[in-house]
Amino acid sequence: MSRKSSKREASKKLLSYQTLEPRKLLAGDVVISEFVASNLGSFLDTYEESPDWIELHNRGDAAVDLQGYHLTDDPADPSGWTFNAS
């Protein structure tokens, strides 16, 4: 075995693969268009509070039902905030 092929074999042994969690394709094309993660008064809601917020934009032509999808800022809690029925 040549030196080059033994290096290739050694590098193959170091590689590992992990599968991703199941994904669903949406009919539309939803993107995060804006967000504020630490709202320090830049936007006040109807209760005169300044919550964090996110804006989603559907760039596609088809309506998208996000019910059951989740947003999170904590990898340990992937379902931190769930979209409700509209």
PDB file of N, CA and C in Angstrom:
ATOM      1  N   MET A   1       0.852  -1.172   0.000  1.00  0.00           N
ATOM      2  CA  MET A   1       0.000   0.000   0.000  1.00  0.00           C
ATOM      3  C   MET A   1       0.895   1.231   0.000  1.00  0.00           C
ATOM      4  N   SER A   2       0.586   2.170  -0.885  1.00  0.00           N
ATOM      5  CA  SER A   2       1.399   3.377  -0.965  1.00  0.00           C
ATOM      6  C   SER A   2       1.092   4.295   0.211  1.00  0.00           C
ATOM      7  N   ARG A   3       1.987   5.217   0.437  1.00  0.00           N
ATOM      8  CA  ARG A   3       1.820   6.167   1.530  1.00  0.00           C
ATOM      9  C   ARG A   3       0.567   7.028   1.330  1.00  0.00           C
ATOM     10  N   LYS A   4       0.315   7.416   0.069  1.00  0.00           N
ATOM     11  CA  LYS A   4      -0.838   8.250  -0.246  1.00  0.00           C
ATOM     12  C   LYS A   4      -2.148   7.508   0.043  1.00  0.00           C
ATOM     13  N   SER A   5      -2.230   6.243  -0.356  1.00  0.00           N
ATOM     14  CA  SER A   5      -3.469   5.503  -0.120  1.00  0.00           C
ATOM     15  C   SER A   5      -3.663   5.182   1.355  1.00  0.00           C
ATOM     16  N   SER A   6      -2.579   4.997   2.120  1.00  0.00           N
ATOM     17  CA  SER A   6      -2.743   4.725   3.558  1.00  0.00           C
ATOM     18  C   SER A   6      -3.238   5.987   4.279  1.00  0.00           C
ATOM     19  N   LYS A   7      -2.822   7.184   3.839  1.00  0.00           N
ATOM     20  CA  LYS A   7      -3.332   8.428   4.416  1.00  0.00           C
ATOM     21  C   LYS A   7      -4.817   8.576   4.118  1.00  0.00           C
ATOM     22  N   ARG A   8      -5.227   8.232   2.900  1.00  0.00           N
ATOM     23  CA  ARG A   8      -6.625   8.316   2.517  1.00  0.00           C
ATOM     24  C   ARG A   8      -7.463   7.366   3.362  1.00  0.00           C
ATOM     25  N   GLU A   9      -6.996   6.158   3.563  1.00  0.00           N
ATOM     26  CA  GLU A   9      -7.710   5.176   4.385  1.00  0.00           C
ATOM     27  C   GLU A   9      -7.810   5.653   5.836  1.00  0.00           C
ATOM     28  N   ALA A  10      -6.746   6.246   6.361  1.00  0.00           N
ATOM     29  CA  ALA A  10      -6.762   6.743   7.731  1.00  0.00           C
ATOM     30  C   ALA A  10      -7.764   7.881   7.881  1.00  0.00           C
ATOM     31  N   SER A  11      -7.848   8.771   6.884  1.00  0.00           N
ATOM     32  CA  SER A  11      -8.776   9.885   6.980  1.00  0.00           C
ATOM     33  C   SER A  11     -10.218   9.397   6.872  1.00  0.00           C
ATOM     34  N   LYS A  12     -10.480   8.329   6.121  1.00  0.00           N
ATOM     35  CA  LYS A  12     -11.825   7.773   6.034  1.00  0.00           C
ATOM     36  C   LYS A  12     -12.285   7.248   7.388  1.00  0.00           C
ATOM     37  N   LYS A  13     -11.366   6.702   8.152  1.00  0.00           N
ATOM     38  CA  LYS A  13     -11.721   6.160   9.463  1.00  0.00           C
ATOM     39  C   LYS A  13     -12.071   7.276  10.446  1.00  0.00           C
ATOM     40  N   LEU A  14     -11.548   8.483  10.244  1.00  0.00           N
ATOM     41  CA  LEU A  14     -11.816   9.601  11.133  1.00  0.00           C
ATOM     42  C   LEU A  14     -13.167  10.265  10.855  1.00  0.00           C
ATOM     43  N   LEU A  15     -13.670  10.081   9.636  1.00  0.00           N
ATOM     44  CA  LEU A  15     -14.930  10.703   9.273  1.00  0.00           C
ATOM     45  C   LEU A  15     -16.097   9.948   9.883  1.00  0.00           C
ATOM     46  N   SER A  16     -17.090  10.686  10.293  1.00  0.00           N
ATOM     47  CA  SER A  16     -18.322  10.063  10.765  1.00  0.00           C
ATOM     48  C   SER A  16     -19.486  10.888  10.252  1.00  0.00           C
ATOM     49  N   TYR A  17     -20.616  10.257  10.112  1.00  0.00           N
ATOM     50  CA  TYR A  17     -21.794  10.919   9.584  1.00  0.00           C
ATOM     51  C   TYR A  17     -22.924  10.825  10.585  1.00  0.00           C
ATOM     52  N   GLN A  18     -23.703  11.892  10.661  1.00  0.00           N
ATOM     53  CA  GLN A  18     -24.887  11.899  11.510  1.00  0.00           C
ATOM     54  C   GLN A  18     -26.074  12.284  10.641  1.00  0.00           C
ATOM     55  N   THR A  19     -27.183  11.655  10.887  1.00  0.00           N
ATOM     56  CA  THR A  19     -28.382  12.002  10.125  1.00  0.00           C
ATOM     57  C   THR A  19     -29.062  13.204  10.769  1.00  0.00           C
ATOM     58  N   LEU A  20     -29.694  14.004   9.944  1.00  0.00           N
ATOM     59  CA  LEU A  20     -30.451  15.155  10.429  1.00  0.00           C
ATOM     60  C   LEU A  20     -31.819  14.701  10.887  1.00  0.00           C
ATOM     61  N   GLU A  21     -32.433  15.514  11.730  1.00  0.00           N
ATOM     62  CA  GLU A  21     -33.800  15.211  12.127  1.00  0.00           C
ATOM     63  C   GLU A  21     -34.684  15.304  10.885  1.00  0.00           C
ATOM     64  N   PRO A  22     -35.844  14.642  10.895  1.00  0.00           N
ATOM     65  CA  PRO A  22     -36.722  14.678   9.720  1.00  0.00           C
ATOM     66  C   PRO A  22     -37.108  16.115   9.373  1.00  0.00           C
ATOM     67  N   ARG A  23     -37.152  16.409   8.109  1.00  0.00           N
ATOM     68  CA  ARG A  23     -37.518  17.747   7.633  1.00  0.00           C
ATOM     69  C   ARG A  23     -38.768  17.652   6.778  1.00  0.00           C
ATOM     70  N   LYS A  24     -39.576  18.688   6.824  1.00  0.00           N
ATOM     71  CA  LYS A  24     -40.748  18.788   5.971  1.00  0.00           C
ATOM     72  C   LYS A  24     -40.538  19.960   5.029  1.00  0.00           C
ATOM     73  N   LEU A  25     -40.894  19.774   3.790  1.00  0.00           N
ATOM     74  CA  LEU A  25     -40.825  20.881   2.842  1.00  0.00           C
ATOM     75  C   LEU A  25     -42.140  21.640   2.889  1.00  0.00           C
ATOM     76  N   LEU A  26     -42.051  22.942   2.896  1.00  0.00           N
ATOM     77  CA  LEU A  26     -43.240  23.788   2.901  1.00  0.00           C
ATOM     78  C   LEU A  26     -43.626  24.120   1.466  1.00  0.00           C
ATOM     79  N   ALA A  27     -44.910  24.336   1.251  1.00  0.00           N
ATOM     80  CA  ALA A  27     -45.378  24.704  -0.082  1.00  0.00           C
ATOM     81  C   ALA A  27     -44.888  26.098  -0.462  1.00  0.00           C
ATOM     82  N   GLY A  28     -44.741  26.982   0.520  1.00  0.00           N
ATOM     83  CA  GLY A  28     -44.282  28.342   0.271  1.00  0.00           C
ATOM     84  C   GLY A  28     -42.785  28.448   0.461  1.00  0.00           C
ATOM     85  N   ASP A  29     -42.323  29.643   0.617  1.00  0.00           N
ATOM     86  CA  ASP A  29     -40.899  29.918   0.790  1.00  0.00           C
ATOM     87  C   ASP A  29     -40.760  30.906   1.952  1.00  0.00           C
ATOM     88  N   VAL A  30     -40.832  30.394   3.179  1.00  0.00           N
ATOM     89  CA  VAL A  30     -40.847  31.232   4.372  1.00  0.00           C
ATOM     90  C   VAL A  30     -39.418  31.521   4.834  1.00  0.00           C
ATOM     91  N   VAL A  31     -39.139  32.796   5.079  1.00  0.00           N
ATOM     92  CA  VAL A  31     -37.830  33.219   5.575  1.00  0.00           C
ATOM     93  C   VAL A  31     -38.018  34.145   6.774  1.00  0.00           C
ATOM     94  N   ILE A  32     -37.014  34.205   7.630  1.00  0.00           N
ATOM     95  CA  ILE A  32     -37.004  35.206   8.701  1.00  0.00           C
ATOM     96  C   ILE A  32     -36.516  36.497   8.057  1.00  0.00           C
ATOM     97  N   SER A  33     -37.385  37.505   8.015  1.00  0.00           N
ATOM     98  CA  SER A  33     -37.014  38.755   7.341  1.00  0.00           C
ATOM     99  C   SER A  33     -36.506  39.811   8.313  1.00  0.00           C
ATOM    100  N   GLU A  34     -36.980  39.799   9.561  1.00  0.00           N
ATOM    101  CA  GLU A  34     -36.509  40.734  10.574  1.00  0.00           C
ATOM    102  C   GLU A  34     -36.653  40.097  11.942  1.00  0.00           C
ATOM    103  N   PHE A  35     -35.804  40.514  12.867  1.00  0.00           N
ATOM    104  CA  PHE A  35     -35.996  40.102  14.255  1.00  0.00           C
ATOM    105  C   PHE A  35     -35.274  41.059  15.184  1.00  0.00           C
ATOM    106  N   VAL A  36     -35.758  41.126  16.391  1.00  0.00           N
ATOM    107  CA  VAL A  36     -35.099  41.877  17.457  1.00  0.00           C
ATOM    108  C   VAL A  36     -34.998  40.922  18.639  1.00  0.00           C
ATOM    109  N   ALA A  37     -33.776  40.593  19.011  1.00  0.00           N
ATOM    110  CA  ALA A  37     -33.557  39.601  20.064  1.00  0.00           C
ATOM    111  C   ALA A  37     -33.412  40.224  21.444  1.00  0.00           C
ATOM    112  N   SER A  38     -33.093  41.479  21.506  1.00  0.00           N
ATOM    113  CA  SER A  38     -32.987  42.188  22.792  1.00  0.00           C
ATOM    114  C   SER A  38     -33.594  43.571  22.609  1.00  0.00           C
ATOM    115  N   ASN A  39     -34.895  43.614  22.666  1.00  0.00           N
ATOM    116  CA  ASN A  39     -35.621  44.861  22.429  1.00  0.00           C
ATOM    117  C   ASN A  39     -35.508  45.750  23.667  1.00  0.00           C
ATOM    118  N   LEU A  40     -34.747  46.794  23.550  1.00  0.00           N
ATOM    119  CA  LEU A  40     -34.542  47.724  24.666  1.00  0.00           C
ATOM    120  C   LEU A  40     -35.360  48.996  24.466  1.00  0.00           C
ATOM    121  N   GLY A  41     -36.581  48.825  23.970  1.00  0.00           N
ATOM    122  CA  GLY A  41     -37.453  49.975  23.783  1.00  0.00           C
ATOM    123  C   GLY A  41     -37.542  50.454  22.354  1.00  0.00           C
ATOM    124  N   SER A  42     -36.951  49.736  21.400  1.00  0.00           N
ATOM    125  CA  SER A  42     -37.017  50.171  20.007  1.00  0.00           C
ATOM    126  C   SER A  42     -38.412  49.996  19.424  1.00  0.00           C
ATOM    127  N   PHE A  43     -39.203  49.112  20.020  1.00  0.00           N
ATOM    128  CA  PHE A  43     -40.572  48.896  19.578  1.00  0.00           C
ATOM    129  C   PHE A  43     -41.434  48.577  20.791  1.00  0.00           C
ATOM    130  N   LEU A  44     -42.503  49.325  20.978  1.00  0.00           N
ATOM    131  CA  LEU A  44     -43.425  49.071  22.082  1.00  0.00           C
ATOM    132  C   LEU A  44     -44.693  48.442  21.531  1.00  0.00           C
ATOM    133  N   ASP A  45     -45.186  47.412  22.220  1.00  0.00           N
ATOM    134  CA  ASP A  45     -46.436  46.784  21.797  1.00  0.00           C
ATOM    135  C   ASP A  45     -47.625  47.531  22.396  1.00  0.00           C
ATOM    136  N   THR A  46     -48.822  46.988  22.213  1.00  0.00           N
ATOM    137  CA  THR A  46     -50.029  47.663  22.693  1.00  0.00           C
ATOM    138  C   THR A  46     -50.109  47.751  24.213  1.00  0.00           C
ATOM    139  N   TYR A  47     -49.268  46.978  24.918  1.00  0.00           N
ATOM    140  CA  TYR A  47     -49.220  47.022  26.382  1.00  0.00           C
ATOM    141  C   TYR A  47     -48.085  47.912  26.882  1.00  0.00           C
ATOM    142  N   GLU A  48     -47.485  48.683  25.950  1.00  0.00           N
ATOM    143  CA  GLU A  48     -46.356  49.562  26.263  1.00  0.00           C
ATOM    144  C   GLU A  48     -45.149  48.783  26.785  1.00  0.00           C
ATOM    145  N   GLU A  49     -45.034  47.530  26.351  1.00  0.00           N
ATOM    146  CA  GLU A  49     -43.873  46.703  26.686  1.00  0.00           C
ATOM    147  C   GLU A  49     -43.002  46.568  25.451  1.00  0.00           C
ATOM    148  N   SER A  50     -41.747  46.208  25.644  1.00  0.00           N
ATOM    149  CA  SER A  50     -40.824  46.068  24.521  1.00  0.00           C
ATOM    150  C   SER A  50     -40.328  44.617  24.418  1.00  0.00           C
ATOM    151  N   PRO A  51     -41.189  43.725  23.891  1.00  0.00           N
ATOM    152  CA  PRO A  51     -40.804  42.319  23.792  1.00  0.00           C
ATOM    153  C   PRO A  51     -39.861  42.064  22.614  1.00  0.00           C
ATOM    154  N   ASP A  52     -39.161  40.937  22.669  1.00  0.00           N
ATOM    155  CA  ASP A  52     -38.425  40.482  21.494  1.00  0.00           C
ATOM    156  C   ASP A  52     -39.463  40.123  20.434  1.00  0.00           C
ATOM    157  N   TRP A  53     -39.090  40.226  19.165  1.00  0.00           N
ATOM    158  CA  TRP A  53     -40.044  39.896  18.116  1.00  0.00           C
ATOM    159  C   TRP A  53     -39.328  39.366  16.883  1.00  0.00           C
ATOM    160  N   ILE A  54     -40.116  38.720  16.028  1.00  0.00           N
ATOM    161  CA  ILE A  54     -39.597  38.138  14.794  1.00  0.00           C
ATOM    162  C   ILE A  54     -40.629  38.344  13.700  1.00  0.00           C
ATOM    163  N   GLU A  55     -40.157  38.589  12.481  1.00  0.00           N
ATOM    164  CA  GLU A  55     -41.059  38.732  11.345  1.00  0.00           C
ATOM    165  C   GLU A  55     -40.722  37.651  10.332  1.00  0.00           C
ATOM    166  N   LEU A  56     -41.737  36.906   9.938  1.00  0.00           N
ATOM    167  CA  LEU A  56     -41.586  35.893   8.903  1.00  0.00           C
ATOM    168  C   LEU A  56     -42.228  36.410   7.626  1.00  0.00           C
ATOM    169  N   HIS A  57     -41.605  36.103   6.500  1.00  0.00           N
ATOM    170  CA  HIS A  57     -42.123  36.538   5.204  1.00  0.00           C
ATOM    171  C   HIS A  57     -42.209  35.326   4.284  1.00  0.00           C
ATOM    172  N   ASN A  58     -43.362  35.139   3.666  1.00  0.00           N
ATOM    173  CA  ASN A  58     -43.541  34.060   2.699  1.00  0.00           C
ATOM    174  C   ASN A  58     -43.248  34.610   1.313  1.00  0.00           C
ATOM    175  N   ARG A  59     -42.110  34.216   0.750  1.00  0.00           N
ATOM    176  CA  ARG A  59     -41.718  34.698  -0.578  1.00  0.00           C
ATOM    177  C   ARG A  59     -42.411  33.929  -1.692  1.00  0.00           C
ATOM    178  N   GLY A  60     -43.112  32.854  -1.335  1.00  0.00           N
ATOM    179  CA  GLY A  60     -43.783  32.037  -2.343  1.00  0.00           C
ATOM    180  C   GLY A  60     -45.198  32.499  -2.621  1.00  0.00           C
ATOM    181  N   ASP A  61     -45.820  31.846  -3.569  1.00  0.00           N
ATOM    182  CA  ASP A  61     -47.189  32.168  -3.955  1.00  0.00           C
ATOM    183  C   ASP A  61     -48.220  31.381  -3.146  1.00  0.00           C
ATOM    184  N   ALA A  62     -47.822  30.229  -2.619  1.00  0.00           N
ATOM    185  CA  ALA A  62     -48.753  29.366  -1.886  1.00  0.00           C
ATOM    186  C   ALA A  62     -48.805  29.764  -0.413  1.00  0.00           C
ATOM    187  N   ALA A  63     -50.007  29.678   0.151  1.00  0.00           N
ATOM    188  CA  ALA A  63     -50.159  29.929   1.591  1.00  0.00           C
ATOM    189  C   ALA A  63     -49.432  28.835   2.369  1.00  0.00           C
ATOM    190  N   VAL A  64     -48.924  29.185   3.539  1.00  0.00           N
ATOM    191  CA  VAL A  64     -48.187  28.242   4.370  1.00  0.00           C
ATOM    192  C   VAL A  64     -48.827  28.175   5.744  1.00  0.00           C
ATOM    193  N   ASP A  65     -49.121  26.968   6.191  1.00  0.00           N
ATOM    194  CA  ASP A  65     -49.665  26.751   7.530  1.00  0.00           C
ATOM    195  C   ASP A  65     -48.508  26.356   8.435  1.00  0.00           C
ATOM    196  N   LEU A  66     -48.145  27.220   9.369  1.00  0.00           N
ATOM    197  CA  LEU A  66     -47.021  26.953  10.267  1.00  0.00           C
ATOM    198  C   LEU A  66     -47.458  26.299  11.578  1.00  0.00           C
ATOM    199  N   GLN A  67     -48.735  25.962  11.689  1.00  0.00           N
ATOM    200  CA  GLN A  67     -49.219  25.331  12.923  1.00  0.00           C
ATOM    201  C   GLN A  67     -48.396  24.084  13.231  1.00  0.00           C
ATOM    202  N   GLY A  68     -47.900  24.036  14.464  1.00  0.00           N
ATOM    203  CA  GLY A  68     -47.091  22.895  14.894  1.00  0.00           C
ATOM    204  C   GLY A  68     -45.594  23.078  14.691  1.00  0.00           C
ATOM    205  N   TYR A  69     -45.180  24.106  13.927  1.00  0.00           N
ATOM    206  CA  TYR A  69     -43.757  24.389  13.774  1.00  0.00           C
ATOM    207  C   TYR A  69     -43.279  25.146  15.008  1.00  0.00           C
ATOM    208  N   HIS A  70     -41.967  25.171  15.217  1.00  0.00           N
ATOM    209  CA  HIS A  70     -41.407  25.751  16.436  1.00  0.00           C
ATOM    210  C   HIS A  70     -40.303  26.751  16.131  1.00  0.00           C
ATOM    211  N   LEU A  71     -40.121  27.691  17.050  1.00  0.00           N
ATOM    212  CA  LEU A  71     -38.963  28.578  17.089  1.00  0.00           C
ATOM    213  C   LEU A  71     -38.318  28.411  18.458  1.00  0.00           C
ATOM    214  N   THR A  72     -36.998  28.544  18.504  1.00  0.00           N
ATOM    215  CA  THR A  72     -36.313  28.441  19.793  1.00  0.00           C
ATOM    216  C   THR A  72     -35.006  29.211  19.753  1.00  0.00           C
ATOM    217  N   ASP A  73     -34.527  29.576  20.909  1.00  0.00           N
ATOM    218  CA  ASP A  73     -33.188  30.151  21.038  1.00  0.00           C
ATOM    219  C   ASP A  73     -32.341  29.267  21.946  1.00  0.00           C
ATOM    220  N   ASP A  74     -32.840  28.072  22.221  1.00  0.00           N
ATOM    221  CA  ASP A  74     -32.153  27.143  23.121  1.00  0.00           C
ATOM    222  C   ASP A  74     -32.102  25.757  22.478  1.00  0.00           C
ATOM    223  N   PRO A  75     -30.931  25.315  22.017  1.00  0.00           N
ATOM    224  CA  PRO A  75     -30.822  23.996  21.380  1.00  0.00           C
ATOM    225  C   PRO A  75     -31.306  22.848  22.274  1.00  0.00           C
ATOM    226  N   ALA A  76     -31.291  23.040  23.579  1.00  0.00           N
ATOM    227  CA  ALA A  76     -31.761  21.995  24.496  1.00  0.00           C
ATOM    228  C   ALA A  76     -33.291  21.943  24.540  1.00  0.00           C
ATOM    229  N   ASP A  77     -33.950  22.983  24.035  1.00  0.00           N
ATOM    230  CA  ASP A  77     -35.417  23.032  24.019  1.00  0.00           C
ATOM    231  C   ASP A  77     -35.882  23.408  22.613  1.00  0.00           C
ATOM    232  N   PRO A  78     -35.852  22.460  21.670  1.00  0.00           N
ATOM    233  CA  PRO A  78     -36.166  22.786  20.275  1.00  0.00           C
ATOM    234  C   PRO A  78     -37.596  23.236  20.035  1.00  0.00           C
ATOM    235  N   SER A  79     -38.487  23.009  20.972  1.00  0.00           N
ATOM    236  CA  SER A  79     -39.876  23.447  20.790  1.00  0.00           C
ATOM    237  C   SER A  79     -40.230  24.590  21.737  1.00  0.00           C
ATOM    238  N   GLY A  80     -39.305  25.526  21.907  1.00  0.00           N
ATOM    239  CA  GLY A  80     -39.484  26.631  22.840  1.00  0.00           C
ATOM    240  C   GLY A  80     -40.735  27.453  22.633  1.00  0.00           C
ATOM    241  N   TRP A  81     -41.096  27.716  21.371  1.00  0.00           N
ATOM    242  CA  TRP A  81     -42.304  28.483  21.066  1.00  0.00           C
ATOM    243  C   TRP A  81     -42.964  27.819  19.861  1.00  0.00           C
ATOM    244  N   THR A  82     -44.213  27.464  19.981  1.00  0.00           N
ATOM    245  CA  THR A  82     -44.927  26.734  18.923  1.00  0.00           C
ATOM    246  C   THR A  82     -45.962  27.619  18.277  1.00  0.00           C
ATOM    247  N   PHE A  83     -46.025  27.579  16.945  1.00  0.00           N
ATOM    248  CA  PHE A  83     -47.060  28.307  16.215  1.00  0.00           C
ATOM    249  C   PHE A  83     -48.404  27.655  16.476  1.00  0.00           C
ATOM    250  N   ASN A  84     -49.406  28.463  16.774  1.00  0.00           N
ATOM    251  CA  ASN A  84     -50.771  28.002  16.976  1.00  0.00           C
ATOM    252  C   ASN A  84     -51.531  28.064  15.664  1.00  0.00           C
ATOM    253  N   ALA A  85     -52.762  27.554  15.682  1.00  0.00           N
ATOM    254  CA  ALA A  85     -53.630  27.669  14.510  1.00  0.00           C
ATOM    255  C   ALA A  85     -53.955  29.138  14.268  1.00  0.00           C
ATOM    256  N   SER A  86     -54.059  29.520  13.008  1.00  0.00           N
ATOM    257  CA  SER A  86     -54.377  30.924  12.724  1.00  0.00           C
ATOM    258  C   SER A  86     -55.847  31.175  12.718  1.00  0.00           C
TER     259      SER A  86
END
